[in-house]
PDB file of N, CA and C in Angstrom:
ATOM      1  N   MET A   1      -4.612  21.300  -9.212  1.00  0.00           N
ATOM      2  CA  MET A   1      -3.484  20.947  -8.374  1.00  0.00           C
ATOM      3  C   MET A   1      -3.614  19.484  -7.963  1.00  0.00           C
ATOM      4  N   ARG A   2      -2.534  18.749  -8.092  1.00  0.00           N
ATOM      5  CA  ARG A   2      -2.544  17.334  -7.747  1.00  0.00           C
ATOM      6  C   ARG A   2      -2.305  17.167  -6.254  1.00  0.00           C
ATOM      7  N   LYS A   3      -3.067  16.262  -5.650  1.00  0.00           N
ATOM      8  CA  LYS A   3      -2.925  15.997  -4.220  1.00  0.00           C
ATOM      9  C   LYS A   3      -1.994  14.811  -4.007  1.00  0.00           C
ATOM     10  N   ILE A   4      -1.204  14.899  -2.949  1.00  0.00           N
ATOM     11  CA  ILE A   4      -0.250  13.848  -2.604  1.00  0.00           C
ATOM     12  C   ILE A   4      -0.758  13.096  -1.384  1.00  0.00           C
ATOM     13  N   VAL A   5      -0.651  11.771  -1.432  1.00  0.00           N
ATOM     14  CA  VAL A   5      -1.000  10.915  -0.297  1.00  0.00           C
ATOM     15  C   VAL A   5       0.289  10.372   0.280  1.00  0.00           C
ATOM     16  N   ASN A   6       0.470  10.494   1.596  1.00  0.00           N
ATOM     17  CA  ASN A   6       1.606   9.887   2.277  1.00  0.00           C
ATOM     18  C   ASN A   6       1.074   8.707   3.062  1.00  0.00           C
ATOM     19  N   THR A   7       1.588   7.531   2.792  1.00  0.00           N
ATOM     20  CA  THR A   7       1.129   6.325   3.460  1.00  0.00           C
ATOM     21  C   THR A   7       2.329   5.431   3.735  1.00  0.00           C
ATOM     22  N   SER A   8       2.082   4.268   4.321  1.00  0.00           N
ATOM     23  CA  SER A   8       3.178   3.364   4.649  1.00  0.00           C
ATOM     24  C   SER A   8       2.725   1.923   4.504  1.00  0.00           C
ATOM     25  N   VAL A   9       3.715   1.052   4.453  1.00  0.00           N
ATOM     26  CA  VAL A   9       3.471  -0.380   4.390  1.00  0.00           C
ATOM     27  C   VAL A   9       4.486  -1.060   5.312  1.00  0.00           C
ATOM     28  N   ILE A  10       4.042  -2.124   5.984  1.00  0.00           N
ATOM     29  CA  ILE A  10       4.908  -2.857   6.896  1.00  0.00           C
ATOM     30  C   ILE A  10       5.144  -4.243   6.307  1.00  0.00           C
ATOM     31  N   CYS A  11       6.406  -4.624   6.230  1.00  0.00           N
ATOM     32  CA  CYS A  11       6.770  -5.961   5.767  1.00  0.00           C
ATOM     33  C   CYS A  11       7.781  -6.522   6.758  1.00  0.00           C
ATOM     34  N   VAL A  12       7.373  -7.543   7.478  1.00  0.00           N
ATOM     35  CA  VAL A  12       8.148  -8.175   8.540  1.00  0.00           C
ATOM     36  C   VAL A  12       8.492  -7.112   9.582  1.00  0.00           C
ATOM     37  N   ASN A  13       9.729  -6.616   9.619  1.00  0.00           N
ATOM     38  CA  ASN A  13      10.109  -5.602  10.612  1.00  0.00           C
ATOM     39  C   ASN A  13      10.600  -4.314   9.958  1.00  0.00           C
ATOM     40  N   ILE A  14      10.149  -4.056   8.738  1.00  0.00           N
ATOM     41  CA  ILE A  14      10.513  -2.827   8.031  1.00  0.00           C
ATOM     42  C   ILE A  14       9.234  -2.061   7.708  1.00  0.00           C
ATOM     43  N   LYS A  15       9.216  -0.777   8.021  1.00  0.00           N
ATOM     44  CA  LYS A  15       8.088   0.076   7.681  1.00  0.00           C
ATOM     45  C   LYS A  15       8.585   1.128   6.695  1.00  0.00           C
ATOM     46  N   VAL A  16       7.965   1.136   5.525  1.00  0.00           N
ATOM     47  CA  VAL A  16       8.371   2.049   4.457  1.00  0.00           C
ATOM     48  C   VAL A  16       7.259   3.073   4.250  1.00  0.00           C
ATOM     49  N   PHE A  17       7.607   4.346   4.339  1.00  0.00           N
ATOM     50  CA  PHE A  17       6.681   5.438   4.079  1.00  0.00           C
ATOM     51  C   PHE A  17       6.904   5.915   2.654  1.00  0.00           C
ATOM     52  N   TYR A  18       5.818   6.180   1.941  1.00  0.00           N
ATOM     53  CA  TYR A  18       5.947   6.631   0.556  1.00  0.00           C
ATOM     54  C   TYR A  18       4.806   7.562   0.189  1.00  0.00           C
ATOM     55  N   ASP A  19       5.019   8.341  -0.869  1.00  0.00           N
ATOM     56  CA  ASP A  19       4.031   9.279  -1.398  1.00  0.00           C
ATOM     57  C   ASP A  19       3.606   8.834  -2.784  1.00  0.00           C
ATOM     58  N   TYR A  20       2.371   9.155  -3.123  1.00  0.00           N
ATOM     59  CA  TYR A  20       1.901   9.004  -4.498  1.00  0.00           C
ATOM     60  C   TYR A  20       0.840  10.060  -4.759  1.00  0.00           C
ATOM     61  N   PHE A  21       0.610  10.347  -6.041  1.00  0.00           N
ATOM     62  CA  PHE A  21      -0.380  11.345  -6.421  1.00  0.00           C
ATOM     63  C   PHE A  21      -1.754  10.701  -6.575  1.00  0.00           C
ATOM     64  N   ILE A  22      -2.777  11.407  -6.083  1.00  0.00           N
ATOM     65  CA  ILE A  22      -4.161  10.969  -6.263  1.00  0.00           C
ATOM     66  C   ILE A  22      -4.588  11.293  -7.691  1.00  0.00           C
ATOM     67  N   LEU A  23      -5.319  10.383  -8.301  1.00  0.00           N
ATOM     68  CA  LEU A  23      -5.851  10.645  -9.634  1.00  0.00           C
ATOM     69  C   LEU A  23      -6.953  11.687  -9.545  1.00  0.00           C
ATOM     70  N   GLU A  24      -7.052  12.512 -10.556  1.00  0.00           N
ATOM     71  CA  GLU A  24      -8.120  13.514 -10.612  1.00  0.00           C
ATOM     72  C   GLU A  24      -9.469  12.804 -10.739  1.00  0.00           C
ATOM     73  N   PRO A  25     -10.507  13.306 -10.069  1.00  0.00           N
ATOM     74  CA  PRO A  25     -11.832  12.690 -10.196  1.00  0.00           C
ATOM     75  C   PRO A  25     -12.334  12.758 -11.640  1.00  0.00           C
ATOM     76  N   LEU A  26     -13.004  11.698 -12.043  1.00  0.00           N
ATOM     77  CA  LEU A  26     -13.583  11.671 -13.388  1.00  0.00           C
ATOM     78  C   LEU A  26     -14.982  12.268 -13.350  1.00  0.00           C
ATOM     79  N   LYS A  27     -15.298  13.081 -14.323  1.00  0.00           N
ATOM     80  CA  LYS A  27     -16.629  13.695 -14.374  1.00  0.00           C
ATOM     81  C   LYS A  27     -17.699  12.680 -14.753  1.00  0.00           C
ATOM     82  N   THR A  28     -17.279  11.570 -15.362  1.00  0.00           N
ATOM     83  CA  THR A  28     -18.249  10.546 -15.759  1.00  0.00           C
ATOM     84  C   THR A  28     -18.675   9.668 -14.587  1.00  0.00           C
ATOM     85  N   LEU A  29     -17.957   9.771 -13.451  1.00  0.00           N
ATOM     86  CA  LEU A  29     -18.309   8.988 -12.261  1.00  0.00           C
ATOM     87  C   LEU A  29     -18.970   9.876 -11.223  1.00  0.00           C
ATOM     88  N   ASN A  30     -19.870   9.292 -10.446  1.00  0.00           N
ATOM     89  CA  ASN A  30     -20.449  10.020  -9.334  1.00  0.00           C
ATOM     90  C   ASN A  30     -19.468   9.991  -8.153  1.00  0.00           C
ATOM     91  N   PRO A  31     -19.747  10.675  -7.046  1.00  0.00           N
ATOM     92  CA  PRO A  31     -18.793  10.709  -5.940  1.00  0.00           C
ATOM     93  C   PRO A  31     -18.418   9.325  -5.398  1.00  0.00           C
ATOM     94  N   MET A  32     -19.375   8.404  -5.331  1.00  0.00           N
ATOM     95  CA  MET A  32     -19.049   7.061  -4.841  1.00  0.00           C
ATOM     96  C   MET A  32     -18.129   6.337  -5.823  1.00  0.00           C
ATOM     97  N   GLY A  33     -18.368   6.520  -7.115  1.00  0.00           N
ATOM     98  CA  GLY A  33     -17.509   5.899  -8.114  1.00  0.00           C
ATOM     99  C   GLY A  33     -16.084   6.403  -8.017  1.00  0.00           C
ATOM    100  N   ASN A  34     -15.911   7.705  -7.818  1.00  0.00           N
ATOM    101  CA  ASN A  34     -14.578   8.268  -7.655  1.00  0.00           C
ATOM    102  C   ASN A  34     -13.933   7.800  -6.354  1.00  0.00           C
ATOM    103  N   PHE A  35     -14.735   7.631  -5.305  1.00  0.00           N
ATOM    104  CA  PHE A  35     -14.215   7.107  -4.042  1.00  0.00           C
ATOM    105  C   PHE A  35     -13.675   5.694  -4.242  1.00  0.00           C
ATOM    106  N   TYR A  36     -14.457   4.827  -4.882  1.00  0.00           N
ATOM    107  CA  TYR A  36     -14.016   3.451  -5.118  1.00  0.00           C
ATOM    108  C   TYR A  36     -12.785   3.413  -6.026  1.00  0.00           C
ATOM    109  N   ARG A  37     -12.718   4.315  -6.966  1.00  0.00           N
ATOM    110  CA  ARG A  37     -11.567   4.395  -7.866  1.00  0.00           C
ATOM    111  C   ARG A  37     -10.300   4.756  -7.089  1.00  0.00           C
ATOM    112  N   SER A  38     -10.380   5.760  -6.214  1.00  0.00           N
ATOM    113  CA  SER A  38      -9.204   6.153  -5.439  1.00  0.00           C
ATOM    114  C   SER A  38      -8.864   5.093  -4.391  1.00  0.00           C
ATOM    115  N   ASN A  39      -9.884   4.439  -3.830  1.00  0.00           N
ATOM    116  CA  ASN A  39      -9.659   3.371  -2.863  1.00  0.00           C
ATOM    117  C   ASN A  39      -8.941   2.198  -3.534  1.00  0.00           C
ATOM    118  N   HIS A  40      -9.345   1.884  -4.756  1.00  0.00           N
ATOM    119  CA  HIS A  40      -8.717   0.798  -5.507  1.00  0.00           C
ATOM    120  C   HIS A  40      -7.241   1.110  -5.775  1.00  0.00           C
ATOM    121  N   LEU A  41      -6.941   2.342  -6.157  1.00  0.00           N
ATOM    122  CA  LEU A  41      -5.555   2.740  -6.389  1.00  0.00           C
ATOM    123  C   LEU A  41      -4.732   2.605  -5.109  1.00  0.00           C
ATOM    124  N   HIS A  42      -5.296   3.027  -3.982  1.00  0.00           N
ATOM    125  CA  HIS A  42      -4.577   2.942  -2.712  1.00  0.00           C
ATOM    126  C   HIS A  42      -4.252   1.486  -2.378  1.00  0.00           C
ATOM    127  N   LYS A  43      -5.223   0.607  -2.551  1.00  0.00           N
ATOM    128  CA  LYS A  43      -4.995  -0.814  -2.271  1.00  0.00           C
ATOM    129  C   LYS A  43      -3.945  -1.398  -3.208  1.00  0.00           C
ATOM    130  N   LYS A  44      -3.949  -0.968  -4.468  1.00  0.00           N
ATOM    131  CA  LYS A  44      -2.955  -1.457  -5.422  1.00  0.00           C
ATOM    132  C   LYS A  44      -1.550  -0.996  -5.033  1.00  0.00           C
ATOM    133  N   THR A  45      -1.414   0.245  -4.539  1.00  0.00           N
ATOM    134  CA  THR A  45      -0.088   0.715  -4.127  1.00  0.00           C
ATOM    135  C   THR A  45       0.396  -0.073  -2.917  1.00  0.00           C
ATOM    136  N   GLN A  46      -0.517  -0.359  -1.975  1.00  0.00           N
ATOM    137  CA  GLN A  46      -0.157  -1.136  -0.795  1.00  0.00           C
ATOM    138  C   GLN A  46       0.322  -2.533  -1.188  1.00  0.00           C
ATOM    139  N   LYS A  47      -0.447  -3.206  -2.024  1.00  0.00           N
ATOM    140  CA  LYS A  47      -0.112  -4.557  -2.462  1.00  0.00           C
ATOM    141  C   LYS A  47       1.199  -4.562  -3.248  1.00  0.00           C
ATOM    142  N   PHE A  48       1.371  -3.567  -4.116  1.00  0.00           N
ATOM    143  CA  PHE A  48       2.598  -3.471  -4.896  1.00  0.00           C
ATOM    144  C   PHE A  48       3.815  -3.324  -3.986  1.00  0.00           C
ATOM    145  N   MET A  49       3.733  -2.429  -3.001  1.00  0.00           N
ATOM    146  CA  MET A  49       4.878  -2.207  -2.101  1.00  0.00           C
ATOM    147  C   MET A  49       5.147  -3.436  -1.237  1.00  0.00           C
ATOM    148  N   GLU A  50       4.100  -4.126  -0.781  1.00  0.00           N
ATOM    149  CA  GLU A  50       4.301  -5.360  -0.007  1.00  0.00           C
ATOM    150  C   GLU A  50       5.067  -6.385  -0.839  1.00  0.00           C
ATOM    151  N   ASN A  51       4.631  -6.598  -2.078  1.00  0.00           N
ATOM    152  CA  ASN A  51       5.302  -7.563  -2.953  1.00  0.00           C
ATOM    153  C   ASN A  51       6.721  -7.109  -3.293  1.00  0.00           C
ATOM    154  N   TYR A  52       6.897  -5.814  -3.477  1.00  0.00           N
ATOM    155  CA  TYR A  52       8.222  -5.250  -3.776  1.00  0.00           C
ATOM    156  C   TYR A  52       9.195  -5.562  -2.643  1.00  0.00           C
ATOM    157  N   LEU A  53       8.744  -5.380  -1.400  1.00  0.00           N
ATOM    158  CA  LEU A  53       9.600  -5.650  -0.247  1.00  0.00           C
ATOM    159  C   LEU A  53       9.792  -7.146  -0.023  1.00  0.00           C
ATOM    160  N   LYS A  54       8.747  -7.945  -0.242  1.00  0.00           N
ATOM    161  CA  LYS A  54       8.855  -9.400  -0.053  1.00  0.00           C
ATOM    162  C   LYS A  54       9.821 -10.022  -1.052  1.00  0.00           C
ATOM    163  N   ASN A  55       9.964  -9.411  -2.223  1.00  0.00           N
ATOM    164  CA  ASN A  55      10.897  -9.924  -3.231  1.00  0.00           C
ATOM    165  C   ASN A  55      12.344  -9.536  -2.943  1.00  0.00           C
ATOM    166  N   GLY A  56      12.577  -8.920  -1.812  1.00  0.00           N
ATOM    167  CA  GLY A  56      13.944  -8.587  -1.412  1.00  0.00           C
ATOM    168  C   GLY A  56      14.433  -7.227  -1.878  1.00  0.00           C
ATOM    169  N   ASN A  57      13.579  -6.448  -2.490  1.00  0.00           N
ATOM    170  CA  ASN A  57      13.969  -5.099  -2.922  1.00  0.00           C
ATOM    171  C   ASN A  57      13.861  -4.150  -1.736  1.00  0.00           C
ATOM    172  N   LEU A  58      14.904  -3.419  -1.475  1.00  0.00           N
ATOM    173  CA  LEU A  58      14.888  -2.431  -0.395  1.00  0.00           C
ATOM    174  C   LEU A  58      15.210  -1.066  -0.988  1.00  0.00           C
ATOM    175  N   PRO A  59      14.195  -0.216  -1.130  1.00  0.00           N
ATOM    176  CA  PRO A  59      14.436   1.097  -1.730  1.00  0.00           C
ATOM    177  C   PRO A  59      15.184   2.019  -0.775  1.00  0.00           C
ATOM    178  N   LYS A  60      15.682   3.111  -1.324  1.00  0.00           N
ATOM    179  CA  LYS A  60      16.360   4.129  -0.532  1.00  0.00           C
ATOM    180  C   LYS A  60      15.452   5.336  -0.410  1.00  0.00           C
ATOM    181  N   VAL A  61      15.653   6.124   0.638  1.00  0.00           N
ATOM    182  CA  VAL A  61      14.877   7.339   0.835  1.00  0.00           C
ATOM    183  C   VAL A  61      15.129   8.286  -0.336  1.00  0.00           C
ATOM    184  N   GLY A  62      14.042   8.812  -0.899  1.00  0.00           N
ATOM    185  CA  GLY A  62      14.137   9.711  -2.037  1.00  0.00           C
ATOM    186  C   GLY A  62      14.018   9.000  -3.376  1.00  0.00           C
ATOM    187  N   GLU A  63      14.116   7.679  -3.368  1.00  0.00           N
ATOM    188  CA  GLU A  63      14.026   6.899  -4.608  1.00  0.00           C
ATOM    189  C   GLU A  63      12.586   6.853  -5.099  1.00  0.00           C
ATOM    190  N   LYS A  64      12.416   6.839  -6.420  1.00  0.00           N
ATOM    191  CA  LYS A  64      11.089   6.680  -7.018  1.00  0.00           C
ATOM    192  C   LYS A  64      10.957   5.250  -7.510  1.00  0.00           C
ATOM    193  N   VAL A  65       9.905   4.594  -7.062  1.00  0.00           N
ATOM    194  CA  VAL A  65       9.611   3.236  -7.499  1.00  0.00           C
ATOM    195  C   VAL A  65       8.558   3.353  -8.586  1.00  0.00           C
ATOM    196  N   ILE A  66       8.866   2.796  -9.739  1.00  0.00           N
ATOM    197  CA  ILE A  66       7.974   2.914 -10.885  1.00  0.00           C
ATOM    198  C   ILE A  66       7.347   1.557 -11.172  1.00  0.00           C
ATOM    199  N   SER A  67       6.039   1.578 -11.401  1.00  0.00           N
ATOM    200  CA  SER A  67       5.305   0.357 -11.708  1.00  0.00           C
ATOM    201  C   SER A  67       4.497   0.554 -12.985  1.00  0.00           C
ATOM    202  N   ASP A  68       4.393  -0.509 -13.771  1.00  0.00           N
ATOM    203  CA  ASP A  68       3.589  -0.446 -14.989  1.00  0.00           C
ATOM    204  C   ASP A  68       2.094  -0.461 -14.685  1.00  0.00           C
ATOM    205  N   CYS A  69       1.717  -1.079 -13.560  1.00  0.00           N
ATOM    206  CA  CYS A  69       0.285  -1.240 -13.260  1.00  0.00           C
ATOM    207  C   CYS A  69      -0.304  -0.060 -12.487  1.00  0.00           C
ATOM    208  N   LEU A  70       0.530   0.818 -11.957  1.00  0.00           N
ATOM    209  CA  LEU A  70       0.030   1.972 -11.206  1.00  0.00           C
ATOM    210  C   LEU A  70       0.072   3.218 -12.076  1.00  0.00           C
ATOM    211  N   PHE A  71      -0.798   4.164 -11.772  1.00  0.00           N
ATOM    212  CA  PHE A  71      -0.853   5.401 -12.538  1.00  0.00           C
ATOM    213  C   PHE A  71      -0.019   6.511 -11.916  1.00  0.00           C
ATOM    214  N   SER A  72       0.738   6.189 -10.887  1.00  0.00           N
ATOM    215  CA  SER A  72       1.549   7.177 -10.205  1.00  0.00           C
ATOM    216  C   SER A  72       2.837   6.523  -9.728  1.00  0.00           C
ATOM    217  N   ASP A  73       3.933   7.266  -9.762  1.00  0.00           N
ATOM    218  CA  ASP A  73       5.182   6.772  -9.201  1.00  0.00           C
ATOM    219  C   ASP A  73       5.098   6.850  -7.682  1.00  0.00           C
ATOM    220  N   LEU A  74       5.800   5.953  -7.014  1.00  0.00           N
ATOM    221  CA  LEU A  74       5.835   5.953  -5.559  1.00  0.00           C
ATOM    222  C   LEU A  74       7.184   6.500  -5.116  1.00  0.00           C
ATOM    223  N   LYS A  75       7.167   7.583  -4.337  1.00  0.00           N
ATOM    224  CA  LYS A  75       8.408   8.195  -3.871  1.00  0.00           C
ATOM    225  C   LYS A  75       8.613   7.826  -2.405  1.00  0.00           C
ATOM    226  N   ILE A  76       9.720   7.189  -2.109  1.00  0.00           N
ATOM    227  CA  ILE A  76      10.030   6.745  -0.752  1.00  0.00           C
ATOM    228  C   ILE A  76      10.424   7.967   0.082  1.00  0.00           C
ATOM    229  N   THR A  77       9.731   8.144   1.223  1.00  0.00           N
ATOM    230  CA  THR A  77      10.010   9.309   2.075  1.00  0.00           C
ATOM    231  C   THR A  77      10.734   8.952   3.361  1.00  0.00           C
ATOM    232  N   ASN A  78      10.569   7.710   3.845  1.00  0.00           N
ATOM    233  CA  ASN A  78      11.219   7.311   5.094  1.00  0.00           C
ATOM    234  C   ASN A  78      11.200   5.799   5.193  1.00  0.00           C
ATOM    235  N   ILE A  79      12.194   5.231   5.883  1.00  0.00           N
ATOM    236  CA  ILE A  79      12.254   3.791   6.129  1.00  0.00           C
ATOM    237  C   ILE A  79      12.625   3.576   7.584  1.00  0.00           C
ATOM    238  N   CYS A  80      11.833   2.759   8.277  1.00  0.00           N
ATOM    239  CA  CYS A  80      12.121   2.410   9.669  1.00  0.00           C
ATOM    240  C   CYS A  80      12.509   0.933   9.721  1.00  0.00           C
ATOM    241  N   PHE A  81      13.746   0.671  10.111  1.00  0.00           N
ATOM    242  CA  PHE A  81      14.212  -0.705  10.273  1.00  0.00           C
ATOM    243  C   PHE A  81      13.922  -1.153  11.700  1.00  0.00           C
ATOM    244  N   GLU A  82      13.829  -2.446  11.908  1.00  0.00           N
ATOM    245  CA  GLU A  82      13.531  -3.020  13.234  1.00  0.00           C
ATOM    246  C   GLU A  82      12.248  -2.426  13.811  1.00  0.00           C
ATOM    247  N   TYR A  83      11.242  -2.284  12.968  1.00  0.00           N
ATOM    248  CA  TYR A  83       9.966  -1.698  13.379  1.00  0.00           C
ATOM    249  C   TYR A  83       9.168  -2.701  14.193  1.00  0.00           C
ATOM    250  N   LYS A  84       8.612  -2.262  15.300  1.00  0.00           N
ATOM    251  CA  LYS A  84       7.742  -3.087  16.154  1.00  0.00           C
ATOM    252  C   LYS A  84       6.314  -2.612  15.957  1.00  0.00           C
ATOM    253  N   ARG A  85       5.438  -3.534  15.618  1.00  0.00           N
ATOM    254  CA  ARG A  85       4.029  -3.191  15.412  1.00  0.00           C
ATOM    255  C   ARG A  85       3.377  -2.787  16.731  1.00  0.00           C
ATOM    256  N   THR A  86       2.435  -1.854  16.651  1.00  0.00           N
ATOM    257  CA  THR A  86       1.662  -1.469  17.825  1.00  0.00           C
ATOM    258  C   THR A  86       0.639  -2.571  18.101  1.00  0.00           C
ATOM    259  N   LYS A  87      -0.060  -2.470  19.228  1.00  0.00           N
ATOM    260  CA  LYS A  87      -1.074  -3.474  19.567  1.00  0.00           C
ATOM    261  C   LYS A  87      -2.172  -3.521  18.505  1.00  0.00           C
ATOM    262  N   GLY A  88      -2.592  -2.363  18.035  1.00  0.00           N
ATOM    263  CA  GLY A  88      -3.631  -2.306  17.010  1.00  0.00           C
ATOM    264  C   GLY A  88      -3.168  -2.915  15.703  1.00  0.00           C
ATOM    265  N   GLU A  89      -1.935  -2.609  15.299  1.00  0.00           N
ATOM    266  CA  GLU A  89      -1.386  -3.176  14.063  1.00  0.00           C
ATOM    267  C   GLU A  89      -1.227  -4.686  14.176  1.00  0.00           C
ATOM    268  N   THR A  90      -0.799  -5.156  15.349  1.00  0.00           N
ATOM    269  CA  THR A  90      -0.656  -6.597  15.571  1.00  0.00           C
ATOM    270  C   THR A  90      -2.011  -7.283  15.517  1.00  0.00           C
ATOM    271  N   PHE A  91      -3.018  -6.676  16.129  1.00  0.00           N
ATOM    272  CA  PHE A  91      -4.370  -7.238  16.100  1.00  0.00           C
ATOM    273  C   PHE A  91      -4.876  -7.359  14.668  1.00  0.00           C
ATOM    274  N   LEU A  92      -4.726  -6.298  13.877  1.00  0.00           N
ATOM    275  CA  LEU A  92      -5.182  -6.321  12.485  1.00  0.00           C
ATOM    276  C   LEU A  92      -4.402  -7.333  11.651  1.00  0.00           C
ATOM    277  N   LYS A  93      -3.097  -7.451  11.875  1.00  0.00           N
ATOM    278  CA  LYS A  93      -2.284  -8.414  11.138  1.00  0.00           C
ATOM    279  C   LYS A  93      -2.729  -9.840  11.460  1.00  0.00           C
ATOM    280  N   ASN A  94      -2.977 -10.137  12.736  1.00  0.00           N
ATOM    281  CA  ASN A  94      -3.438 -11.464  13.124  1.00  0.00           C
ATOM    282  C   ASN A  94      -4.805 -11.766  12.517  1.00  0.00           C
ATOM    283  N   LEU A  95      -5.676 -10.789  12.513  1.00  0.00           N
ATOM    284  CA  LEU A  95      -7.003 -10.948  11.920  1.00  0.00           C
ATOM    285  C   LEU A  95      -6.890 -11.220  10.421  1.00  0.00           C
ATOM    286  N   GLU A  96      -6.023 -10.484   9.754  1.00  0.00           N
ATOM    287  CA  GLU A  96      -5.807 -10.678   8.323  1.00  0.00           C
ATOM    288  C   GLU A  96      -5.244 -12.074   8.040  1.00  0.00           C
ATOM    289  N   ASP A  97      -4.290 -12.530   8.864  1.00  0.00           N
ATOM    290  CA  ASP A  97      -3.706 -13.863   8.685  1.00  0.00           C
ATOM    291  C   ASP A  97      -4.759 -14.958   8.861  1.00  0.00           C
ATOM    292  N   LYS A  98      -5.625 -14.811   9.874  1.00  0.00           N
ATOM    293  CA  LYS A  98      -6.696 -15.794  10.093  1.00  0.00           C
ATOM    294  C   LYS A  98      -7.671 -15.799   8.922  1.00  0.00           C
ATOM    295  N   PHE A  99      -7.973 -14.626   8.401  1.00  0.00           N
ATOM    296  CA  PHE A  99      -8.873 -14.530   7.254  1.00  0.00           C
ATOM    297  C   PHE A  99      -8.286 -15.245   6.040  1.00  0.00           C
ATOM    298  N   LEU A 100      -6.987 -15.055   5.787  1.00  0.00           N
ATOM    299  CA  LEU A 100      -6.347 -15.701   4.645  1.00  0.00           C
ATOM    300  C   LEU A 100      -6.332 -17.223   4.795  1.00  0.00           C
ATOM    301  N   ILE A 101      -6.164 -17.719   6.018  1.00  0.00           N
ATOM    302  CA  ILE A 101      -6.205 -19.160   6.260  1.00  0.00           C
ATOM    303  C   ILE A 101      -7.590 -19.705   5.957  1.00  0.00           C
ATOM    304  N   GLU A 102      -8.624 -19.021   6.430  1.00  0.00           N
ATOM    305  CA  GLU A 102     -10.003 -19.455   6.175  1.00  0.00           C
ATOM    306  C   GLU A 102     -10.343 -19.379   4.687  1.00  0.00           C
ATOM    307  N   LYS A 103      -9.850 -18.354   4.022  1.00  0.00           N
ATOM    308  CA  LYS A 103     -10.094 -18.202   2.595  1.00  0.00           C
ATOM    309  C   LYS A 103      -9.461 -19.345   1.805  1.00  0.00           C
ATOM    310  N   GLN A 104      -8.252 -19.760   2.219  1.00  0.00           N
ATOM    311  CA  GLN A 104      -7.576 -20.880   1.550  1.00  0.00           C
ATOM    312  C   GLN A 104      -8.347 -22.172   1.750  1.00  0.00           C
ATOM    313  N   LYS A 105      -8.932 -22.358   2.924  1.00  0.00           N
ATOM    314  CA  LYS A 105      -9.725 -23.561   3.191  1.00  0.00           C
ATOM    315  C   LYS A 105     -10.940 -23.609   2.282  1.00  0.00           C
ATOM    316  N   LEU A 106     -11.567 -22.464   2.043  1.00  0.00           N
ATOM    317  CA  LEU A 106     -12.753 -22.408   1.191  1.00  0.00           C
ATOM    318  C   LEU A 106     -12.417 -22.646  -0.275  1.00  0.00           C
ATOM    319  N   ASN A 107     -11.223 -22.265  -0.687  1.00  0.00           N
ATOM    320  CA  ASN A 107     -10.828 -22.395  -2.086  1.00  0.00           C
ATOM    321  C   ASN A 107     -10.351 -23.794  -2.462  1.00  0.00           C
ATOM    322  N   ARG A 108     -10.243 -24.690  -1.493  1.00  0.00           N
ATOM    323  CA  ARG A 108      -9.768 -26.052  -1.796  1.00  0.00           C
ATOM    324  C   ARG A 108     -10.832 -26.878  -2.412  1.00  0.00           C
TER     325      ARG A 108
END
């Protein structure tokens, strides 16, 4: 039986909730390897949806977003417009922004 993950991504003031299927664990990997594999897929779905929204695409509820680089279709389950980040989300976003600024300084 395939397991479904429900997650969300925030872009500016829009929060999009979506589902995707978890890949079956590989027998050739140990538990940590399968964990990193599923973690990598989750990060790829997050990054894909962020870029999808930043490019001006606004999906509809029930729509399936298909990507060539992902192994699962993303099904949109809910969209919140005019979303306000919580204190924790704002803290993490600010931390991430500061990290990206420092990373750019190091790459120069």
